[in-house]
Amino acid sequence: MTEYTALREQRLSGLTPELRAYFEAASQRPSLRTMGVKTLREFGAGFQGAPKADPEVSTRDVVIKGPAGNIPTRIFTPTTKTDRPRGIYLHTHGGGYVMFGGLDTMHNWNTRIAKETGCIVVGPDFRLPPEHPFPAALEDCFSAFQWTAANAEELGGRADGICVGGGCTGGNIAAVVALMARDAGGPRFASQYLIATVFDTRADYRSHYENSEGYMLSHDDCLFVYEQYLQNMDHRWDWRASPILVPSVKGSPPTYIHVGEWDVLRDESRAYADRLRDAGVDVTLVVAPQESHGPTPASEETVYREMRAFLERTCVKR
């Protein structure tokens, strides 16, 4: 690990003082394993602060019938007028699988996505592990997609203009649900937006070791959340846990993958993008310099701008 410690110091030495302080602070937090599920949920509940109203986005709550009961869901709709159907973004939120439950927790995040992209955002409160292990979240999110497609016109969009997306573990769920929709013989997604995404819960890539310590997300952090989600780690070989292992990605929707060059998930993101490209899928891969797990304060605005451009190209019907 000495070589990777030296590499980290070399990387950080080239940053602005503000960005270096950001990474140094991130490296000092306890591991996710040390924090545990209860503490992580307490942290996640306050991550975005109290829900805030925004005159540019209206919200309403609905209940979607899922395979194991009701799925509370909040719909976020831009209030600006438009003479065409809007794109719809089904947000399968991240949070290490275990965090960000409840409609209020993701309220401000989903409001910003709706405001920044001009899309209707559908935010399901799907079941979380460890109480509801794999594949409960997938089943709920697939049900949310089926409901969204069936009600797309009522929402102000179209069934052929739905994007699925999320970050980290939410990106994992999004990628799998997109494949499930492809295989189901019904409506398909118009696109998928995957940021800092888990594509392989086996977690055995060079970037998992090169970027294992001292950034935003460690190798052991990944193992901890996969253990909570899967319960039985043999499930890592199931493509619904590791979409990189799906027999074919042919027929996947146009895809945007964003990952930091210092993220443990970097190399599996590259590998999934390669599989998509080899299968003839329209794929954009962004490996963001001087970024670890998710946007930094310096890159956040750029990420939202590129997200909007992608959704306008793939989802919004002109």
C-alpha atoms as a PDB file:
ATOM      1  CA  MET A   1       0.000   0.000   0.000  1.00  0.00           C
ATOM      2  CA  THR A   2       3.027   2.291   0.267  1.00  0.00           C
ATOM      3  CA  GLU A   3       2.960   2.952  -3.470  1.00  0.00           C
ATOM      4  CA  TYR A   4      -0.724   3.979  -3.283  1.00  0.00           C
ATOM      5  CA  THR A   5      -0.101   6.207  -0.252  1.00  0.00           C
ATOM      6  CA  ALA A   6       2.601   8.014  -2.213  1.00  0.00           C
ATOM      7  CA  LEU A   7       0.277   8.291  -5.216  1.00  0.00           C
ATOM      8  CA  ARG A   8      -2.422   9.847  -3.064  1.00  0.00           C
ATOM      9  CA  GLU A   9      -0.014  12.443  -1.693  1.00  0.00           C
ATOM     10  CA  GLN A  10       1.176  13.261  -5.201  1.00  0.00           C
ATOM     11  CA  ARG A  11      -2.404  13.708  -6.360  1.00  0.00           C
ATOM     12  CA  LEU A  12      -3.445  15.897  -3.452  1.00  0.00           C
ATOM     13  CA  SER A  13      -0.348  18.065  -3.748  1.00  0.00           C
ATOM     14  CA  GLY A  14      -1.642  19.350  -7.083  1.00  0.00           C
ATOM     15  CA  LEU A  15      -5.028  20.456  -5.759  1.00  0.00           C
ATOM     16  CA  THR A  16      -6.203  23.871  -4.671  1.00  0.00           C
ATOM     17  CA  PRO A  17      -6.089  24.338  -0.880  1.00  0.00           C
ATOM     18  CA  GLU A  18      -9.897  24.209  -0.767  1.00  0.00           C
ATOM     19  CA  LEU A  19     -10.143  20.952  -2.692  1.00  0.00           C
ATOM     20  CA  ARG A  20      -7.310  19.371  -0.742  1.00  0.00           C
ATOM     21  CA  ALA A  21      -9.090  20.256   2.506  1.00  0.00           C
ATOM     22  CA  TYR A  22     -12.234  18.613   1.112  1.00  0.00           C
ATOM     23  CA  PHE A  23     -10.429  15.316   0.498  1.00  0.00           C
ATOM     24  CA  GLU A  24      -8.520  15.457   3.766  1.00  0.00           C
ATOM     25  CA  ALA A  25     -11.756  15.932   5.696  1.00  0.00           C
ATOM     26  CA  ALA A  26     -13.381  13.033   3.842  1.00  0.00           C
ATOM     27  CA  SER A  27     -10.486  10.737   4.684  1.00  0.00           C
ATOM     28  CA  GLN A  28     -10.941  11.382   8.412  1.00  0.00           C
ATOM     29  CA  ARG A  29     -14.502  10.080   8.710  1.00  0.00           C
ATOM     30  CA  PRO A  30     -15.088   6.695  10.348  1.00  0.00           C
ATOM     31  CA  SER A  31     -15.512   3.699   8.082  1.00  0.00           C
ATOM     32  CA  LEU A  32     -19.052   2.689   7.180  1.00  0.00           C
ATOM     33  CA  ARG A  33     -18.489  -0.579   9.036  1.00  0.00           C
ATOM     34  CA  THR A  34     -17.569   1.344  12.187  1.00  0.00           C
ATOM     35  CA  MET A  35     -20.581   3.630  11.835  1.00  0.00           C
ATOM     36  CA  GLY A  36     -23.038   0.775  11.316  1.00  0.00           C
ATOM     37  CA  VAL A  37     -26.508   0.870   9.794  1.00  0.00           C
ATOM     38  CA  LYS A  38     -28.216   2.842  12.593  1.00  0.00           C
ATOM     39  CA  THR A  39     -25.672   5.665  12.554  1.00  0.00           C
ATOM     40  CA  LEU A  40     -25.585   5.747   8.766  1.00  0.00           C
ATOM     41  CA  ARG A  41     -29.336   6.184   8.668  1.00  0.00           C
ATOM     42  CA  GLU A  42     -29.218   8.975  11.224  1.00  0.00           C
ATOM     43  CA  PHE A  43     -26.547  10.681   9.121  1.00  0.00           C
ATOM     44  CA  GLY A  44     -28.505  10.131   5.904  1.00  0.00           C
ATOM     45  CA  ALA A  45     -31.724  11.530   7.370  1.00  0.00           C
ATOM     46  CA  GLY A  46     -30.046  14.889   7.949  1.00  0.00           C
ATOM     47  CA  PHE A  47     -27.812  14.915   4.884  1.00  0.00           C
ATOM     48  CA  GLN A  48     -30.001  17.259   2.816  1.00  0.00           C
ATOM     49  CA  GLY A  49     -31.601  19.070   5.733  1.00  0.00           C
ATOM     50  CA  ALA A  50     -35.329  19.660   6.171  1.00  0.00           C
ATOM     51  CA  PRO A  51     -37.499  19.485   3.008  1.00  0.00           C
ATOM     52  CA  LYS A  52     -37.782  22.885   1.338  1.00  0.00           C
ATOM     53  CA  ALA A  53     -40.552  24.145  -0.920  1.00  0.00           C
ATOM     54  CA  ASP A  54     -39.529  25.590  -4.282  1.00  0.00           C
ATOM     55  CA  PRO A  55     -41.992  27.599  -6.418  1.00  0.00           C
ATOM     56  CA  GLU A  56     -40.393  26.149  -9.556  1.00  0.00           C
ATOM     57  CA  VAL A  57     -41.239  22.549  -8.579  1.00  0.00           C
ATOM     58  CA  SER A  58     -44.576  21.136  -7.398  1.00  0.00           C
ATOM     59  CA  THR A  59     -44.821  17.857  -5.500  1.00  0.00           C
ATOM     60  CA  ARG A  60     -47.476  15.258  -4.803  1.00  0.00           C
ATOM     61  CA  ASP A  61     -47.408  11.884  -3.115  1.00  0.00           C
ATOM     62  CA  VAL A  62     -48.801   8.682  -4.588  1.00  0.00           C
ATOM     63  CA  VAL A  63     -48.830   5.054  -3.545  1.00  0.00           C
ATOM     64  CA  ILE A  64     -47.639   2.390  -5.972  1.00  0.00           C
ATOM     65  CA  LYS A  65     -48.618  -1.214  -5.415  1.00  0.00           C
ATOM     66  CA  GLY A  66     -45.513  -3.350  -5.194  1.00  0.00           C
ATOM     67  CA  PRO A  67     -44.892  -7.082  -4.895  1.00  0.00           C
ATOM     68  CA  ALA A  68     -44.705  -6.890  -1.092  1.00  0.00           C
ATOM     69  CA  GLY A  69     -47.046  -3.990  -0.351  1.00  0.00           C
ATOM     70  CA  ASN A  70     -47.365  -0.297  -1.013  1.00  0.00           C
ATOM     71  CA  ILE A  71     -44.420   1.799  -2.241  1.00  0.00           C
ATOM     72  CA  PRO A  72     -44.765   5.443  -1.116  1.00  0.00           C
ATOM     73  CA  THR A  73     -43.619   7.672  -3.977  1.00  0.00           C
ATOM     74  CA  ARG A  74     -43.230  11.420  -4.455  1.00  0.00           C
ATOM     75  CA  ILE A  75     -43.612  13.105  -7.846  1.00  0.00           C
ATOM     76  CA  PHE A  76     -41.652  16.292  -8.559  1.00  0.00           C
ATOM     77  CA  THR A  77     -42.908  18.377 -11.497  1.00  0.00           C
ATOM     78  CA  PRO A  78     -41.360  21.614 -12.825  1.00  0.00           C
ATOM     79  CA  THR A  79     -43.914  24.424 -12.795  1.00  0.00           C
ATOM     80  CA  THR A  80     -42.512  26.187 -15.856  1.00  0.00           C
ATOM     81  CA  LYS A  81     -44.853  25.942 -18.838  1.00  0.00           C
ATOM     82  CA  THR A  82     -44.028  23.688 -21.760  1.00  0.00           C
ATOM     83  CA  ASP A  83     -45.840  22.813 -24.973  1.00  0.00           C
ATOM     84  CA  ARG A  84     -44.400  19.295 -25.204  1.00  0.00           C
ATOM     85  CA  PRO A  85     -44.221  16.218 -23.002  1.00  0.00           C
ATOM     86  CA  ARG A  86     -41.497  16.331 -20.400  1.00  0.00           C
ATOM     87  CA  GLY A  87     -38.851  13.734 -19.846  1.00  0.00           C
ATOM     88  CA  ILE A  88     -39.404  11.569 -16.777  1.00  0.00           C
ATOM     89  CA  TYR A  89     -36.556  10.620 -14.463  1.00  0.00           C
ATOM     90  CA  LEU A  90     -37.083   7.587 -12.232  1.00  0.00           C
ATOM     91  CA  HIS A  91     -34.605   8.182  -9.429  1.00  0.00           C
ATOM     92  CA  THR A  92     -33.407   5.019  -7.709  1.00  0.00           C
ATOM     93  CA  HIS A  93     -31.520   6.757  -4.945  1.00  0.00           C
ATOM     94  CA  GLY A  94     -28.162   5.704  -3.572  1.00  0.00           C
ATOM     95  CA  GLY A  95     -27.003   5.621   0.033  1.00  0.00           C
ATOM     96  CA  GLY A  96     -25.053   2.404   0.404  1.00  0.00           C
ATOM     97  CA  TYR A  97     -28.307   0.488  -0.060  1.00  0.00           C
ATOM     98  CA  VAL A  98     -29.229   1.099   3.618  1.00  0.00           C
ATOM     99  CA  MET A  99     -29.686   4.901   3.737  1.00  0.00           C
ATOM    100  CA  PHE A 100     -32.010   7.617   2.425  1.00  0.00           C
ATOM    101  CA  GLY A 101     -35.283   5.860   3.179  1.00  0.00           C
ATOM    102  CA  GLY A 102     -38.427   7.976   3.485  1.00  0.00           C
ATOM    103  CA  LEU A 103     -39.856  10.526   1.091  1.00  0.00           C
ATOM    104  CA  ASP A 104     -38.523  13.570   2.928  1.00  0.00           C
ATOM    105  CA  THR A 105     -34.899  12.409   2.954  1.00  0.00           C
ATOM    106  CA  MET A 106     -34.510  12.764  -0.821  1.00  0.00           C
ATOM    107  CA  HIS A 107     -36.924  15.688  -1.200  1.00  0.00           C
ATOM    108  CA  ASN A 108     -34.391  18.469  -1.742  1.00  0.00           C
ATOM    109  CA  TRP A 109     -32.218  16.320  -3.986  1.00  0.00           C
ATOM    110  CA  ASN A 110     -35.147  15.354  -6.220  1.00  0.00           C
ATOM    111  CA  THR A 111     -36.400  18.937  -6.264  1.00  0.00           C
ATOM    112  CA  ARG A 112     -33.036  20.076  -7.579  1.00  0.00           C
ATOM    113  CA  ILE A 113     -32.958  17.363 -10.246  1.00  0.00           C
ATOM    114  CA  ALA A 114     -36.412  18.422 -11.468  1.00  0.00           C
ATOM    115  CA  LYS A 115     -35.411  22.086 -11.438  1.00  0.00           C
ATOM    116  CA  GLU A 116     -32.017  21.584 -13.088  1.00  0.00           C
ATOM    117  CA  THR A 117     -33.127  19.128 -15.781  1.00  0.00           C
ATOM    118  CA  GLY A 118     -36.715  20.171 -16.494  1.00  0.00           C
ATOM    119  CA  CYS A 119     -37.795  16.542 -16.073  1.00  0.00           C
ATOM    120  CA  ILE A 120     -40.539  15.114 -13.925  1.00  0.00           C
ATOM    121  CA  VAL A 121     -38.838  13.153 -11.153  1.00  0.00           C
ATOM    122  CA  VAL A 122     -40.406  10.001  -9.723  1.00  0.00           C
ATOM    123  CA  GLY A 123     -38.893   9.177  -6.333  1.00  0.00           C
ATOM    124  CA  PRO A 124     -39.980   5.796  -4.927  1.00  0.00           C
ATOM    125  CA  ASP A 125     -39.319   4.982  -1.278  1.00  0.00           C
ATOM    126  CA  PHE A 126     -38.293   1.402  -1.985  1.00  0.00           C
ATOM    127  CA  ARG A 127     -37.468  -1.241   0.613  1.00  0.00           C
ATOM    128  CA  LEU A 128     -33.973  -1.163   2.121  1.00  0.00           C
ATOM    129  CA  PRO A 129     -31.674  -3.784   3.600  1.00  0.00           C
ATOM    130  CA  PRO A 130     -30.755  -5.317   5.929  1.00  0.00           C
ATOM    131  CA  GLU A 131     -34.445  -5.671   6.845  1.00  0.00           C
ATOM    132  CA  HIS A 132     -35.323  -6.241   3.201  1.00  0.00           C
ATOM    133  CA  PRO A 133     -32.325  -7.806   1.448  1.00  0.00           C
ATOM    134  CA  PHE A 134     -31.655  -8.400  -2.246  1.00  0.00           C
ATOM    135  CA  PRO A 135     -33.663  -8.425  -4.472  1.00  0.00           C
ATOM    136  CA  ALA A 136     -36.387  -6.429  -2.638  1.00  0.00           C
ATOM    137  CA  ALA A 137     -35.179  -2.997  -3.826  1.00  0.00           C
ATOM    138  CA  LEU A 138     -35.062  -4.221  -7.424  1.00  0.00           C
ATOM    139  CA  GLU A 139     -38.598  -5.580  -7.257  1.00  0.00           C
ATOM    140  CA  ASP A 140     -39.936  -2.293  -5.868  1.00  0.00           C
ATOM    141  CA  CYS A 141     -38.095  -0.125  -8.380  1.00  0.00           C
ATOM    142  CA  PHE A 142     -39.219  -2.276 -11.296  1.00  0.00           C
ATOM    143  CA  SER A 143     -42.811  -1.931 -10.058  1.00  0.00           C
ATOM    144  CA  ALA A 144     -42.265   1.839  -9.857  1.00  0.00           C
ATOM    145  CA  PHE A 145     -41.131   1.829 -13.497  1.00  0.00           C
ATOM    146  CA  GLN A 146     -44.172  -0.145 -14.621  1.00  0.00           C
ATOM    147  CA  TRP A 147     -46.458   2.308 -12.786  1.00  0.00           C
ATOM    148  CA  THR A 148     -44.583   5.288 -14.263  1.00  0.00           C
ATOM    149  CA  ALA A 149     -44.876   3.932 -17.807  1.00  0.00           C
ATOM    150  CA  ALA A 150     -48.597   3.232 -17.339  1.00  0.00           C
ATOM    151  CA  ASN A 151     -49.206   6.749 -15.966  1.00  0.00           C
ATOM    152  CA  ALA A 152     -46.681   8.694 -18.029  1.00  0.00           C
ATOM    153  CA  GLU A 153     -49.187  10.824 -19.946  1.00  0.00           C
ATOM    154  CA  GLU A 154     -51.063  11.731 -16.773  1.00  0.00           C
ATOM    155  CA  LEU A 155     -47.739  12.817 -15.270  1.00  0.00           C
ATOM    156  CA  GLY A 156     -47.042  15.071 -18.256  1.00  0.00           C
ATOM    157  CA  GLY A 157     -44.598  12.849 -20.103  1.00  0.00           C
ATOM    158  CA  ARG A 158     -44.610   9.807 -22.367  1.00  0.00           C
ATOM    159  CA  ALA A 159     -43.934   6.132 -21.725  1.00  0.00           C
ATOM    160  CA  ASP A 160     -41.104   6.205 -24.269  1.00  0.00           C
ATOM    161  CA  GLY A 161     -39.416   9.147 -22.546  1.00  0.00           C
ATOM    162  CA  ILE A 162     -38.429   7.676 -19.185  1.00  0.00           C
ATOM    163  CA  CYS A 163     -34.849   7.643 -17.924  1.00  0.00           C
ATOM    164  CA  VAL A 164     -33.741   5.627 -14.897  1.00  0.00           C
ATOM    165  CA  GLY A 165     -30.813   6.852 -12.865  1.00  0.00           C
ATOM    166  CA  GLY A 166     -29.008   6.979  -9.587  1.00  0.00           C
ATOM    167  CA  GLY A 167     -25.656   7.152  -7.908  1.00  0.00           C
ATOM    168  CA  CYS A 168     -23.496   4.413  -6.387  1.00  0.00           C
ATOM    169  CA  THR A 169     -25.833   1.685  -5.138  1.00  0.00           C
ATOM    170  CA  GLY A 170     -28.738   3.564  -6.728  1.00  0.00           C
ATOM    171  CA  GLY A 171     -26.915   3.361 -10.044  1.00  0.00           C
ATOM    172  CA  ASN A 172     -26.551  -0.373  -9.493  1.00  0.00           C
ATOM    173  CA  ILE A 173     -30.308  -0.675  -9.009  1.00  0.00           C
ATOM    174  CA  ALA A 174     -30.951   1.537 -12.053  1.00  0.00           C
ATOM    175  CA  ALA A 175     -28.695  -0.527 -14.326  1.00  0.00           C
ATOM    176  CA  VAL A 176     -30.343  -3.776 -13.239  1.00  0.00           C
ATOM    177  CA  VAL A 177     -33.895  -2.420 -13.538  1.00  0.00           C
ATOM    178  CA  ALA A 178     -33.081  -1.215 -17.072  1.00  0.00           C
ATOM    179  CA  LEU A 179     -32.047  -4.770 -17.971  1.00  0.00           C
ATOM    180  CA  MET A 180     -35.173  -6.164 -16.294  1.00  0.00           C
ATOM    181  CA  ALA A 181     -37.319  -3.823 -18.392  1.00  0.00           C
ATOM    182  CA  ARG A 182     -35.474  -4.876 -21.538  1.00  0.00           C
ATOM    183  CA  ASP A 183     -36.206  -8.529 -20.781  1.00  0.00           C
ATOM    184  CA  ALA A 184     -39.843  -8.081 -19.707  1.00  0.00           C
ATOM    185  CA  GLY A 185     -41.230  -7.469 -23.178  1.00  0.00           C
ATOM    186  CA  GLY A 186     -43.070  -4.271 -22.207  1.00  0.00           C
ATOM    187  CA  PRO A 187     -42.059  -0.607 -22.110  1.00  0.00           C
ATOM    188  CA  ARG A 188     -38.324   0.082 -22.060  1.00  0.00           C
ATOM    189  CA  PHE A 189     -36.335   2.982 -20.735  1.00  0.00           C
ATOM    190  CA  ALA A 190     -35.318   5.771 -23.072  1.00  0.00           C
ATOM    191  CA  SER A 191     -31.959   6.048 -21.306  1.00  0.00           C
ATOM    192  CA  GLN A 192     -30.044   5.420 -18.088  1.00  0.00           C
ATOM    193  CA  TYR A 193     -27.896   7.862 -16.109  1.00  0.00           C
ATOM    194  CA  LEU A 194     -25.367   6.152 -13.860  1.00  0.00           C
ATOM    195  CA  ILE A 195     -23.021   8.121 -11.629  1.00  0.00           C
ATOM    196  CA  ALA A 196     -20.315   6.583  -9.406  1.00  0.00           C
ATOM    197  CA  THR A 197     -22.094   3.265  -9.890  1.00  0.00           C
ATOM    198  CA  VAL A 198     -21.582  -0.234  -8.497  1.00  0.00           C
ATOM    199  CA  PHE A 199     -21.426  -2.586 -11.486  1.00  0.00           C
ATOM    200  CA  ASP A 200     -19.692  -5.522  -9.815  1.00  0.00           C
ATOM    201  CA  THR A 201     -20.205  -6.434  -6.165  1.00  0.00           C
ATOM    202  CA  ARG A 202     -17.224  -8.805  -6.377  1.00  0.00           C
ATOM    203  CA  ALA A 203     -15.134  -5.612  -5.983  1.00  0.00           C
ATOM    204  CA  ASP A 204     -11.919  -6.978  -7.466  1.00  0.00           C
ATOM    205  CA  TYR A 205     -10.463  -4.281  -9.738  1.00  0.00           C
ATOM    206  CA  ARG A 206      -7.225  -2.332  -9.608  1.00  0.00           C
ATOM    207  CA  SER A 207      -9.078   0.857  -8.656  1.00  0.00           C
ATOM    208  CA  HIS A 208     -10.439  -0.882  -5.549  1.00  0.00           C
ATOM    209  CA  TYR A 209      -6.849  -1.113  -4.291  1.00  0.00           C
ATOM    210  CA  GLU A 210      -5.326   1.990  -5.864  1.00  0.00           C
ATOM    211  CA  ASN A 211      -8.071   4.180  -4.354  1.00  0.00           C
ATOM    212  CA  SER A 212      -8.862   1.999  -1.350  1.00  0.00           C
ATOM    213  CA  GLU A 213      -7.976   4.417   1.440  1.00  0.00           C
ATOM    214  CA  GLY A 214      -7.919   8.163   1.924  1.00  0.00           C
ATOM    215  CA  TYR A 215     -10.647   9.271  -0.476  1.00  0.00           C
ATOM    216  CA  MET A 216     -14.448   9.334  -0.198  1.00  0.00           C
ATOM    217  CA  LEU A 217     -15.250   5.622  -0.310  1.00  0.00           C
ATOM    218  CA  SER A 218     -12.971   2.773   0.727  1.00  0.00           C
ATOM    219  CA  HIS A 219     -12.800  -0.806  -0.477  1.00  0.00           C
ATOM    220  CA  ASP A 220     -14.059  -2.039   2.894  1.00  0.00           C
ATOM    221  CA  ASP A 221     -16.927   0.480   2.807  1.00  0.00           C
ATOM    222  CA  CYS A 222     -18.061  -1.264  -0.369  1.00  0.00           C
ATOM    223  CA  LEU A 223     -17.796  -4.711   1.175  1.00  0.00           C
ATOM    224  CA  PHE A 224     -19.799  -3.603   4.215  1.00  0.00           C
ATOM    225  CA  VAL A 225     -22.759  -2.275   2.221  1.00  0.00           C
ATOM    226  CA  TYR A 226     -22.723  -5.278  -0.121  1.00  0.00           C
ATOM    227  CA  GLU A 227     -22.931  -7.537   2.928  1.00  0.00           C
ATOM    228  CA  GLN A 228     -25.991  -5.628   4.165  1.00  0.00           C
ATOM    229  CA  TYR A 229     -27.696  -5.819   0.792  1.00  0.00           C
ATOM    230  CA  LEU A 230     -26.906  -9.365  -0.286  1.00  0.00           C
ATOM    231  CA  GLN A 231     -26.789 -11.143   3.104  1.00  0.00           C
ATOM    232  CA  ASN A 232     -25.428 -14.196   1.278  1.00  0.00           C
ATOM    233  CA  MET A 233     -22.269 -13.055  -0.520  1.00  0.00           C
ATOM    234  CA  ASP A 234     -22.647 -15.824  -3.087  1.00  0.00           C
ATOM    235  CA  HIS A 235     -25.234 -13.491  -4.633  1.00  0.00           C
ATOM    236  CA  ARG A 236     -22.328 -11.393  -5.917  1.00  0.00           C
ATOM    237  CA  TRP A 237     -22.297 -13.778  -8.903  1.00  0.00           C
ATOM    238  CA  ASP A 238     -25.939 -13.046  -9.725  1.00  0.00           C
ATOM    239  CA  TRP A 239     -26.106 -10.477 -12.533  1.00  0.00           C
ATOM    240  CA  ARG A 240     -28.913  -8.707 -10.683  1.00  0.00           C
ATOM    241  CA  ALA A 241     -26.318  -7.867  -8.014  1.00  0.00           C
ATOM    242  CA  SER A 242     -23.416  -7.441 -10.455  1.00  0.00           C
ATOM    243  CA  PRO A 243     -24.842  -6.276 -13.798  1.00  0.00           C
ATOM    244  CA  ILE A 244     -21.383  -6.601 -15.395  1.00  0.00           C
ATOM    245  CA  LEU A 245     -22.127 -10.363 -15.329  1.00  0.00           C
ATOM    246  CA  VAL A 246     -25.377 -10.235 -17.330  1.00  0.00           C
ATOM    247  CA  PRO A 247     -25.075 -12.596 -20.324  1.00  0.00           C
ATOM    248  CA  SER A 248     -25.752  -9.761 -22.781  1.00  0.00           C
ATOM    249  CA  VAL A 249     -26.154  -6.001 -22.566  1.00  0.00           C
ATOM    250  CA  LYS A 250     -27.478  -5.772 -26.115  1.00  0.00           C
ATOM    251  CA  GLY A 251     -30.649  -3.712 -26.250  1.00  0.00           C
ATOM    252  CA  SER A 252     -29.708  -1.552 -23.270  1.00  0.00           C
ATOM    253  CA  PRO A 253     -30.858   2.068 -23.563  1.00  0.00           C
ATOM    254  CA  PRO A 254     -28.495   4.961 -24.323  1.00  0.00           C
ATOM    255  CA  THR A 255     -26.279   5.278 -21.269  1.00  0.00           C
ATOM    256  CA  TYR A 256     -24.344   7.998 -19.487  1.00  0.00           C
ATOM    257  CA  ILE A 257     -21.722   6.795 -16.992  1.00  0.00           C
ATOM    258  CA  HIS A 258     -19.868   9.280 -14.791  1.00  0.00           C
ATOM    259  CA  VAL A 259     -17.113   8.179 -12.413  1.00  0.00           C
ATOM    260  CA  GLY A 260     -14.206   9.881 -10.679  1.00  0.00           C
ATOM    261  CA  GLU A 261     -10.648   8.918 -11.595  1.00  0.00           C
ATOM    262  CA  TRP A 262      -9.978   8.415  -7.870  1.00  0.00           C
ATOM    263  CA  ASP A 263     -13.104   6.358  -7.179  1.00  0.00           C
ATOM    264  CA  VAL A 264     -12.791   2.704  -6.156  1.00  0.00           C
ATOM    265  CA  LEU A 265     -15.558   2.070  -8.711  1.00  0.00           C
ATOM    266  CA  ARG A 266     -13.619   3.567 -11.642  1.00  0.00           C
ATOM    267  CA  ASP A 267     -12.464   0.396 -13.364  1.00  0.00           C
ATOM    268  CA  GLU A 268     -15.760  -1.487 -13.199  1.00  0.00           C
ATOM    269  CA  SER A 269     -17.402   1.598 -14.723  1.00  0.00           C
ATOM    270  CA  ARG A 270     -14.922   1.459 -17.590  1.00  0.00           C
ATOM    271  CA  ALA A 271     -15.537  -2.273 -17.991  1.00  0.00           C
ATOM    272  CA  TYR A 272     -19.330  -1.847 -18.144  1.00  0.00           C
ATOM    273  CA  ALA A 273     -18.998   1.000 -20.632  1.00  0.00           C
ATOM    274  CA  ASP A 274     -16.799  -1.245 -22.787  1.00  0.00           C
ATOM    275  CA  ARG A 275     -19.426  -4.016 -22.722  1.00  0.00           C
ATOM    276  CA  LEU A 276     -22.135  -1.567 -23.747  1.00  0.00           C
ATOM    277  CA  ARG A 277     -20.016  -0.101 -26.536  1.00  0.00           C
ATOM    278  CA  ASP A 278     -19.106  -3.553 -27.863  1.00  0.00           C
ATOM    279  CA  ALA A 279     -22.833  -4.398 -27.964  1.00  0.00           C
ATOM    280  CA  GLY A 280     -23.602  -1.338 -30.074  1.00  0.00           C
ATOM    281  CA  VAL A 281     -25.199   0.697 -27.279  1.00  0.00           C
ATOM    282  CA  ASP A 282     -24.907   4.486 -27.361  1.00  0.00           C
ATOM    283  CA  VAL A 283     -22.717   5.104 -24.298  1.00  0.00           C
ATOM    284  CA  THR A 284     -20.987   8.172 -22.893  1.00  0.00           C
ATOM    285  CA  LEU A 285     -18.274   7.525 -20.300  1.00  0.00           C
ATOM    286  CA  VAL A 286     -16.887  10.419 -18.273  1.00  0.00           C
ATOM    287  CA  VAL A 287     -13.907   9.703 -16.005  1.00  0.00           C
ATOM    288  CA  ALA A 288     -13.751  12.970 -14.106  1.00  0.00           C
ATOM    289  CA  PRO A 289     -10.257  14.188 -13.131  1.00  0.00           C
ATOM    290  CA  GLN A 290      -9.532  15.085  -9.499  1.00  0.00           C
ATOM    291  CA  GLU A 291     -12.811  13.508  -8.409  1.00  0.00           C
ATOM    292  CA  SER A 292     -13.442  10.526  -6.159  1.00  0.00           C
ATOM    293  CA  HIS A 293     -16.841   9.088  -5.237  1.00  0.00           C
ATOM    294  CA  GLY A 294     -19.280  11.642  -6.578  1.00  0.00           C
ATOM    295  CA  PRO A 295     -18.918  15.284  -7.575  1.00  0.00           C
ATOM    296  CA  THR A 296     -16.772  17.664  -5.540  1.00  0.00           C
ATOM    297  CA  PRO A 297     -17.848  21.236  -4.768  1.00  0.00           C
ATOM    298  CA  ALA A 298     -15.693  22.264  -7.742  1.00  0.00           C
ATOM    299  CA  SER A 299     -17.370  19.872 -10.211  1.00  0.00           C
ATOM    300  CA  GLU A 300     -20.977  19.767  -9.016  1.00  0.00           C
ATOM    301  CA  GLU A 301     -22.371  22.415 -11.380  1.00  0.00           C
ATOM    302  CA  THR A 302     -20.681  20.797 -14.373  1.00  0.00           C
ATOM    303  CA  VAL A 303     -22.182  17.429 -13.478  1.00  0.00           C
ATOM    304  CA  TYR A 304     -25.716  18.848 -13.324  1.00  0.00           C
ATOM    305  CA  ARG A 305     -25.216  20.691 -16.623  1.00  0.00           C
ATOM    306  CA  GLU A 306     -24.074  17.510 -18.375  1.00  0.00           C
ATOM    307  CA  MET A 307     -26.925  15.536 -16.798  1.00  0.00           C
ATOM    308  CA  ARG A 308     -29.444  17.996 -18.201  1.00  0.00           C
ATOM    309  CA  ALA A 309     -27.879  17.826 -21.666  1.00  0.00           C
ATOM    310  CA  PHE A 310     -28.040  14.026 -21.635  1.00  0.00           C
ATOM    311  CA  LEU A 311     -31.675  13.909 -20.500  1.00  0.00           C
ATOM    312  CA  GLU A 312     -32.690  16.505 -23.072  1.00  0.00           C
ATOM    313  CA  ARG A 313     -31.043  14.425 -25.796  1.00  0.00           C
ATOM    314  CA  THR A 314     -32.523  11.088 -24.756  1.00  0.00           C
ATOM    315  CA  CYS A 315     -35.796  11.694 -22.880  1.00  0.00           C
ATOM    316  CA  VAL A 316     -37.390  15.035 -23.677  1.00  0.00           C
ATOM    317  CA  LYS A 317     -39.715  14.731 -26.671  1.00  0.00           C
ATOM    318  CA  ARG A 318     -39.595  17.754 -28.950  1.00  0.00           C
END
